[in-house]
PDB file of all heavy atoms in Angstrom:
ATOM      1  N   ALA A   1     -34.003 -67.363  29.450  1.00  0.00           N
ATOM      2  CA  ALA A   1     -35.404 -67.234  29.852  1.00  0.00           C
ATOM      3  C   ALA A   1     -35.547 -66.562  31.219  1.00  0.00           C
ATOM      4  O   ALA A   1     -34.725 -66.757  32.114  1.00  0.00           O
ATOM      5  CB  ALA A   1     -36.077 -68.599  29.879  1.00  0.00           C
ATOM      6  N   GLN A   2     -36.581 -65.748  31.328  1.00  0.00           N
ATOM      7  CA  GLN A   2     -36.907 -65.069  32.582  1.00  0.00           C
ATOM      8  C   GLN A   2     -38.353 -65.403  32.902  1.00  0.00           C
ATOM      9  O   GLN A   2     -39.247 -65.135  32.105  1.00  0.00           O
ATOM     10  CB  GLN A   2     -36.738 -63.570  32.409  1.00  0.00           C
ATOM     11  CG  GLN A   2     -37.179 -62.775  33.610  1.00  0.00           C
ATOM     12  CD  GLN A   2     -36.960 -61.277  33.395  1.00  0.00           C
ATOM     13  OE1 GLN A   2     -36.053 -60.864  32.692  1.00  0.00           O
ATOM     14  NE2 GLN A   2     -37.812 -60.482  33.992  1.00  0.00           N
ATOM     15  N   ILE A   3     -38.594 -65.989  34.060  1.00  0.00           N
ATOM     16  CA  ILE A   3     -39.942 -66.375  34.471  1.00  0.00           C
ATOM     17  C   ILE A   3     -40.295 -65.612  35.737  1.00  0.00           C
ATOM     18  O   ILE A   3     -39.586 -65.691  36.732  1.00  0.00           O
ATOM     19  CB  ILE A   3     -40.072 -67.894  34.698  1.00  0.00           C
ATOM     20  CG1 ILE A   3     -39.659 -68.654  33.423  1.00  0.00           C
ATOM     21  CG2 ILE A   3     -41.488 -68.260  35.066  1.00  0.00           C
ATOM     22  CD1 ILE A   3     -38.339 -69.272  33.496  1.00  0.00           C
ATOM     23  N   SER A   4     -41.389 -64.848  35.664  1.00  0.00           N
ATOM     24  CA  SER A   4     -41.868 -64.059  36.802  1.00  0.00           C
ATOM     25  C   SER A   4     -43.148 -64.687  37.324  1.00  0.00           C
ATOM     26  O   SER A   4     -44.082 -64.927  36.549  1.00  0.00           O
ATOM     27  CB  SER A   4     -42.147 -62.618  36.366  1.00  0.00           C
ATOM     28  OG  SER A   4     -40.990 -62.039  35.832  1.00  0.00           O
ATOM     29  N   TYR A   5     -43.205 -64.945  38.611  1.00  0.00           N
ATOM     30  CA  TYR A   5     -44.377 -65.531  39.255  1.00  0.00           C
ATOM     31  C   TYR A   5     -45.005 -64.504  40.188  1.00  0.00           C
ATOM     32  O   TYR A   5     -44.324 -63.925  41.018  1.00  0.00           O
ATOM     33  CB  TYR A   5     -43.991 -66.768  40.084  1.00  0.00           C
ATOM     34  CG  TYR A   5     -43.346 -67.866  39.291  1.00  0.00           C
ATOM     35  CD1 TYR A   5     -41.958 -67.953  39.182  1.00  0.00           C
ATOM     36  CD2 TYR A   5     -44.110 -68.825  38.654  1.00  0.00           C
ATOM     37  CE1 TYR A   5     -41.354 -68.956  38.461  1.00  0.00           C
ATOM     38  CE2 TYR A   5     -43.508 -69.844  37.929  1.00  0.00           C
ATOM     39  CZ  TYR A   5     -42.137 -69.902  37.829  1.00  0.00           C
ATOM     40  OH  TYR A   5     -41.534 -70.906  37.116  1.00  0.00           O
ATOM     41  N   ASP A   6     -46.306 -64.287  40.051  1.00  0.00           N
ATOM     42  CA  ASP A   6     -47.064 -63.456  40.984  1.00  0.00           C
ATOM     43  C   ASP A   6     -47.830 -64.429  41.873  1.00  0.00           C
ATOM     44  O   ASP A   6     -48.829 -65.017  41.460  1.00  0.00           O
ATOM     45  CB  ASP A   6     -48.013 -62.526  40.234  1.00  0.00           C
ATOM     46  CG  ASP A   6     -48.718 -61.549  41.152  1.00  0.00           C
ATOM     47  OD1 ASP A   6     -49.023 -61.920  42.307  1.00  0.00           O
ATOM     48  OD2 ASP A   6     -48.985 -60.424  40.704  1.00  0.00           O
ATOM     49  N   LEU A   7     -47.354 -64.626  43.084  1.00  0.00           N
ATOM     50  CA  LEU A   7     -47.920 -65.648  43.968  1.00  0.00           C
ATOM     51  C   LEU A   7     -49.306 -65.272  44.480  1.00  0.00           C
ATOM     52  O   LEU A   7     -50.123 -66.149  44.748  1.00  0.00           O
ATOM     53  CB  LEU A   7     -46.970 -65.897  45.139  1.00  0.00           C
ATOM     54  CG  LEU A   7     -45.552 -66.324  44.738  1.00  0.00           C
ATOM     55  CD1 LEU A   7     -44.658 -66.422  45.955  1.00  0.00           C
ATOM     56  CD2 LEU A   7     -45.579 -67.629  43.973  1.00  0.00           C
ATOM     57  N   GLN A   8     -49.591 -63.975  44.609  1.00  0.00           N
ATOM     58  CA  GLN A   8     -50.897 -63.556  45.110  1.00  0.00           C
ATOM     59  C   GLN A   8     -51.966 -63.648  44.036  1.00  0.00           C
ATOM     60  O   GLN A   8     -53.123 -63.929  44.324  1.00  0.00           O
ATOM     61  CB  GLN A   8     -50.807 -62.153  45.697  1.00  0.00           C
ATOM     62  CG  GLN A   8     -49.913 -62.099  46.920  1.00  0.00           C
ATOM     63  CD  GLN A   8     -49.701 -60.698  47.463  1.00  0.00           C
ATOM     64  OE1 GLN A   8     -50.276 -59.736  46.993  1.00  0.00           O
ATOM     65  NE2 GLN A   8     -48.849 -60.590  48.474  1.00  0.00           N
ATOM     66  N   ALA A   9     -51.600 -63.415  42.780  1.00  0.00           N
ATOM     67  CA  ALA A   9     -52.567 -63.486  41.683  1.00  0.00           C
ATOM     68  C   ALA A   9     -52.579 -64.858  41.014  1.00  0.00           C
ATOM     69  O   ALA A   9     -53.382 -65.093  40.121  1.00  0.00           O
ATOM     70  CB  ALA A   9     -52.244 -62.420  40.640  1.00  0.00           C
ATOM     71  N   SER A  10     -51.703 -65.761  41.430  1.00  0.00           N
ATOM     72  CA  SER A  10     -51.570 -67.082  40.809  1.00  0.00           C
ATOM     73  C   SER A  10     -51.362 -66.961  39.304  1.00  0.00           C
ATOM     74  O   SER A  10     -52.064 -67.575  38.505  1.00  0.00           O
ATOM     75  CB  SER A  10     -52.780 -67.964  41.117  1.00  0.00           C
ATOM     76  OG  SER A  10     -52.895 -68.195  42.491  1.00  0.00           O
ATOM     77  N   ALA A  11     -50.390 -66.152  38.920  1.00  0.00           N
ATOM     78  CA  ALA A  11     -50.098 -65.923  37.505  1.00  0.00           C
ATOM     79  C   ALA A  11     -48.588 -65.936  37.297  1.00  0.00           C
ATOM     80  O   ALA A  11     -47.820 -65.752  38.229  1.00  0.00           O
ATOM     81  CB  ALA A  11     -50.675 -64.583  37.070  1.00  0.00           C
ATOM     82  N   TYR A  12     -48.205 -66.170  36.049  1.00  0.00           N
ATOM     83  CA  TYR A  12     -46.788 -66.100  35.722  1.00  0.00           C
ATOM     84  C   TYR A  12     -46.613 -65.544  34.325  1.00  0.00           C
ATOM     85  O   TYR A  12     -47.543 -65.515  33.527  1.00  0.00           O
ATOM     86  CB  TYR A  12     -46.107 -67.466  35.842  1.00  0.00           C
ATOM     87  CG  TYR A  12     -46.476 -68.437  34.757  1.00  0.00           C
ATOM     88  CD1 TYR A  12     -45.684 -68.544  33.614  1.00  0.00           C
ATOM     89  CD2 TYR A  12     -47.596 -69.247  34.862  1.00  0.00           C
ATOM     90  CE1 TYR A  12     -46.025 -69.422  32.608  1.00  0.00           C
ATOM     91  CE2 TYR A  12     -47.933 -70.134  33.869  1.00  0.00           C
ATOM     92  CZ  TYR A  12     -47.144 -70.224  32.745  1.00  0.00           C
ATOM     93  OH  TYR A  12     -47.482 -71.097  31.741  1.00  0.00           O
ATOM     94  N   LEU A  13     -45.398 -65.088  34.036  1.00  0.00           N
ATOM     95  CA  LEU A  13     -45.056 -64.549  32.728  1.00  0.00           C
ATOM     96  C   LEU A  13     -43.662 -65.047  32.383  1.00  0.00           C
ATOM     97  O   LEU A  13     -42.739 -64.949  33.199  1.00  0.00           O
ATOM     98  CB  LEU A  13     -45.059 -63.014  32.766  1.00  0.00           C
ATOM     99  CG  LEU A  13     -44.598 -62.297  31.502  1.00  0.00           C
ATOM    100  CD1 LEU A  13     -45.585 -62.536  30.362  1.00  0.00           C
ATOM    101  CD2 LEU A  13     -44.449 -60.816  31.766  1.00  0.00           C
ATOM    102  N   ALA A  14     -43.527 -65.615  31.196  1.00  0.00           N
ATOM    103  CA  ALA A  14     -42.218 -66.092  30.735  1.00  0.00           C
ATOM    104  C   ALA A  14     -41.759 -65.216  29.582  1.00  0.00           C
ATOM    105  O   ALA A  14     -42.519 -64.945  28.657  1.00  0.00           O
ATOM    106  CB  ALA A  14     -42.308 -67.548  30.296  1.00  0.00           C
ATOM    107  N   GLY A  15     -40.527 -64.770  29.646  1.00  0.00           N
ATOM    108  CA  GLY A  15     -39.957 -63.937  28.595  1.00  0.00           C
ATOM    109  C   GLY A  15     -38.573 -64.416  28.212  1.00  0.00           C
ATOM    110  O   GLY A  15     -37.977 -65.251  28.889  1.00  0.00           O
ATOM    111  N   ARG A  16     -38.061 -63.902  27.128  1.00  0.00           N
ATOM    112  CA  ARG A  16     -36.753 -64.277  26.591  1.00  0.00           C
ATOM    113  C   ARG A  16     -36.627 -65.771  26.341  1.00  0.00           C
ATOM    114  O   ARG A  16     -35.579 -66.379  26.564  1.00  0.00           O
ATOM    115  CB  ARG A  16     -35.625 -63.818  27.501  1.00  0.00           C
ATOM    116  CG  ARG A  16     -35.356 -62.339  27.420  1.00  0.00           C
ATOM    117  CD  ARG A  16     -34.055 -62.007  28.064  1.00  0.00           C
ATOM    118  NE  ARG A  16     -34.304 -61.781  29.473  1.00  0.00           N
ATOM    119  CZ  ARG A  16     -33.391 -61.406  30.326  1.00  0.00           C
ATOM    120  NH1 ARG A  16     -32.164 -61.238  29.946  1.00  0.00           N
ATOM    121  NH2 ARG A  16     -33.687 -61.197  31.579  1.00  0.00           N
ATOM    122  N   VAL A  17     -37.706 -66.383  25.878  1.00  0.00           N
ATOM    123  CA  VAL A  17     -37.685 -67.807  25.558  1.00  0.00           C
ATOM    124  C   VAL A  17     -37.173 -67.939  24.129  1.00  0.00           C
ATOM    125  O   VAL A  17     -37.806 -67.457  23.193  1.00  0.00           O
ATOM    126  CB  VAL A  17     -39.090 -68.431  25.711  1.00  0.00           C
ATOM    127  CG1 VAL A  17     -39.069 -69.907  25.399  1.00  0.00           C
ATOM    128  CG2 VAL A  17     -39.606 -68.181  27.120  1.00  0.00           C
ATOM    129  N   LEU A  18     -36.027 -68.546  23.948  1.00  0.00           N
ATOM    130  CA  LEU A  18     -35.343 -68.553  22.654  1.00  0.00           C
ATOM    131  C   LEU A  18     -35.330 -69.913  21.975  1.00  0.00           C
ATOM    132  O   LEU A  18     -34.495 -70.164  21.122  1.00  0.00           O
ATOM    133  CB  LEU A  18     -33.903 -68.069  22.839  1.00  0.00           C
ATOM    134  CG  LEU A  18     -33.738 -66.694  23.477  1.00  0.00           C
ATOM    135  CD1 LEU A  18     -32.271 -66.392  23.707  1.00  0.00           C
ATOM    136  CD2 LEU A  18     -34.369 -65.633  22.617  1.00  0.00           C
ATOM    137  N   ASN A  19     -36.237 -70.799  22.301  1.00  0.00           N
ATOM    138  CA  ASN A  19     -36.190 -72.162  21.772  1.00  0.00           C
ATOM    139  C   ASN A  19     -36.302 -72.238  20.258  1.00  0.00           C
ATOM    140  O   ASN A  19     -35.757 -73.137  19.638  1.00  0.00           O
ATOM    141  CB  ASN A  19     -37.291 -73.009  22.396  1.00  0.00           C
ATOM    142  CG  ASN A  19     -37.052 -73.233  23.862  1.00  0.00           C
ATOM    143  OD1 ASN A  19     -35.977 -72.959  24.367  1.00  0.00           O
ATOM    144  ND2 ASN A  19     -38.054 -73.728  24.557  1.00  0.00           N
ATOM    145  N   GLU A  20     -37.031 -71.329  19.629  1.00  0.00           N
ATOM    146  CA  GLU A  20     -37.256 -71.398  18.193  1.00  0.00           C
ATOM    147  C   GLU A  20     -36.314 -70.499  17.398  1.00  0.00           C
ATOM    148  O   GLU A  20     -36.463 -70.376  16.184  1.00  0.00           O
ATOM    149  CB  GLU A  20     -38.713 -71.011  17.881  1.00  0.00           C
ATOM    150  CG  GLU A  20     -39.753 -71.903  18.556  1.00  0.00           C
ATOM    151  CD  GLU A  20     -39.673 -73.350  18.099  1.00  0.00           C
ATOM    152  OE1 GLU A  20     -39.398 -73.588  16.905  1.00  0.00           O
ATOM    153  OE2 GLU A  20     -39.876 -74.254  18.928  1.00  0.00           O
ATOM    154  N   GLN A  21     -35.378 -69.854  18.031  1.00  0.00           N
ATOM    155  CA  GLN A  21     -34.479 -68.940  17.327  1.00  0.00           C
ATOM    156  C   GLN A  21     -33.095 -69.543  17.192  1.00  0.00           C
ATOM    157  O   GLN A  21     -32.660 -70.328  18.036  1.00  0.00           O
ATOM    158  CB  GLN A  21     -34.374 -67.615  18.086  1.00  0.00           C
ATOM    159  CG  GLN A  21     -35.673 -66.857  18.120  1.00  0.00           C
ATOM    160  CD  GLN A  21     -35.532 -65.561  18.915  1.00  0.00           C
ATOM    161  OE1 GLN A  21     -34.527 -65.330  19.565  1.00  0.00           O
ATOM    162  NE2 GLN A  21     -36.540 -64.720  18.854  1.00  0.00           N
ATOM    163  N   ARG A  22     -32.417 -69.144  16.120  1.00  0.00           N
ATOM    164  CA  ARG A  22     -31.031 -69.581  15.946  1.00  0.00           C
ATOM    165  C   ARG A  22     -30.153 -68.872  16.975  1.00  0.00           C
ATOM    166  O   ARG A  22     -30.426 -67.730  17.342  1.00  0.00           O
ATOM    167  CB  ARG A  22     -30.543 -69.234  14.549  1.00  0.00           C
ATOM    168  CG  ARG A  22     -31.236 -70.012  13.474  1.00  0.00           C
ATOM    169  CD  ARG A  22     -30.596 -69.756  12.126  1.00  0.00           C
ATOM    170  NE  ARG A  22     -30.109 -68.396  11.989  1.00  0.00           N
ATOM    171  CZ  ARG A  22     -30.090 -67.710  10.866  1.00  0.00           C
ATOM    172  NH1 ARG A  22     -30.544 -68.252   9.774  1.00  0.00           N
ATOM    173  NH2 ARG A  22     -29.613 -66.485  10.822  1.00  0.00           N
ATOM    174  N   PRO A  23     -29.081 -69.510  17.399  1.00  0.00           N
ATOM    175  CA  PRO A  23     -28.176 -68.843  18.344  1.00  0.00           C
ATOM    176  C   PRO A  23     -27.533 -67.619  17.703  1.00  0.00           C
ATOM    177  O   PRO A  23     -27.300 -67.584  16.491  1.00  0.00           O
ATOM    178  CB  PRO A  23     -27.138 -69.907  18.678  1.00  0.00           C
ATOM    179  CG  PRO A  23     -27.527 -71.144  17.976  1.00  0.00           C
ATOM    180  CD  PRO A  23     -28.679 -70.858  17.086  1.00  0.00           C
ATOM    181  N   ALA A  24     -27.232 -66.637  18.504  1.00  0.00           N
ATOM    182  CA  ALA A  24     -26.552 -65.443  18.011  1.00  0.00           C
ATOM    183  C   ALA A  24     -25.128 -65.795  17.621  1.00  0.00           C
ATOM    184  O   ALA A  24     -24.486 -66.655  18.227  1.00  0.00           O
ATOM    185  CB  ALA A  24     -26.547 -64.367  19.092  1.00  0.00           C
ATOM    186  N   THR A  25     -24.627 -65.131  16.581  1.00  0.00           N
ATOM    187  CA  THR A  25     -23.235 -65.327  16.172  1.00  0.00           C
ATOM    188  C   THR A  25     -22.483 -64.031  16.443  1.00  0.00           C
ATOM    189  O   THR A  25     -22.880 -62.962  15.994  1.00  0.00           O
ATOM    190  CB  THR A  25     -23.136 -65.686  14.675  1.00  0.00           C
ATOM    191  OG1 THR A  25     -23.821 -64.686  13.917  1.00  0.00           O
ATOM    192  CG2 THR A  25     -23.769 -67.040  14.398  1.00  0.00           C
ATOM    193  N   PHE A  26     -21.425 -64.142  17.175  1.00  0.00           N
ATOM    194  CA  PHE A  26     -20.662 -62.974  17.592  1.00  0.00           C
ATOM    195  C   PHE A  26     -19.338 -62.831  16.847  1.00  0.00           C
ATOM    196  O   PHE A  26     -18.597 -61.896  17.089  1.00  0.00           O
ATOM    197  CB  PHE A  26     -20.396 -63.033  19.095  1.00  0.00           C
ATOM    198  CG  PHE A  26     -21.646 -63.012  19.920  1.00  0.00           C
ATOM    199  CD1 PHE A  26     -22.146 -64.169  20.467  1.00  0.00           C
ATOM    200  CD2 PHE A  26     -22.324 -61.829  20.116  1.00  0.00           C
ATOM    201  CE1 PHE A  26     -23.301 -64.148  21.227  1.00  0.00           C
ATOM    202  CE2 PHE A  26     -23.481 -61.789  20.872  1.00  0.00           C
ATOM    203  CZ  PHE A  26     -23.968 -62.959  21.424  1.00  0.00           C
ATOM    204  N   ASP A  27     -19.050 -63.752  15.942  1.00  0.00           N
ATOM    205  CA  ASP A  27     -17.754 -63.707  15.264  1.00  0.00           C
ATOM    206  C   ASP A  27     -17.866 -63.239  13.811  1.00  0.00           C
ATOM    207  O   ASP A  27     -17.002 -63.521  13.003  1.00  0.00           O
ATOM    208  CB  ASP A  27     -17.080 -65.070  15.340  1.00  0.00           C
ATOM    209  CG  ASP A  27     -17.904 -66.181  14.709  1.00  0.00           C
ATOM    210  OD1 ASP A  27     -19.097 -65.961  14.429  1.00  0.00           O
ATOM    211  OD2 ASP A  27     -17.348 -67.274  14.500  1.00  0.00           O
ATOM    212  N   GLN A  28     -18.914 -62.514  13.444  1.00  0.00           N
ATOM    213  CA  GLN A  28     -19.070 -62.007  12.089  1.00  0.00           C
ATOM    214  C   GLN A  28     -18.258 -60.730  11.906  1.00  0.00           C
ATOM    215  O   GLN A  28     -17.995 -59.997  12.851  1.00  0.00           O
ATOM    216  CB  GLN A  28     -20.542 -61.708  11.796  1.00  0.00           C
ATOM    217  CG  GLN A  28     -21.418 -62.929  11.771  1.00  0.00           C
ATOM    218  CD  GLN A  28     -22.870 -62.562  11.475  1.00  0.00           C
ATOM    219  OE1 GLN A  28     -23.255 -61.411  11.539  1.00  0.00           O
ATOM    220  NE2 GLN A  28     -23.664 -63.564  11.149  1.00  0.00           N
ATOM    221  N   GLU A  29     -17.919 -60.471  10.654  1.00  0.00           N
ATOM    222  CA  GLU A  29     -17.223 -59.234  10.320  1.00  0.00           C
ATOM    223  C   GLU A  29     -18.196 -58.065  10.462  1.00  0.00           C
ATOM    224  O   GLU A  29     -19.384 -58.212  10.163  1.00  0.00           O
ATOM    225  CB  GLU A  29     -16.711 -59.298   8.879  1.00  0.00           C
ATOM    226  CG  GLU A  29     -15.570 -60.286   8.688  1.00  0.00           C
ATOM    227  CD  GLU A  29     -14.316 -59.874   9.439  1.00  0.00           C
ATOM    228  OE1 GLU A  29     -13.996 -58.671   9.450  1.00  0.00           O
ATOM    229  OE2 GLU A  29     -13.661 -60.764  10.014  1.00  0.00           O
TER     230      GLU A  29
END
């Protein structure tokens, strides 16, 4: 997850939130 906070605008943006996705598998053929 990447969370960006804009302190002057009192806003934030969260990205790469993977809670609902299956983990990646790197050992496949």
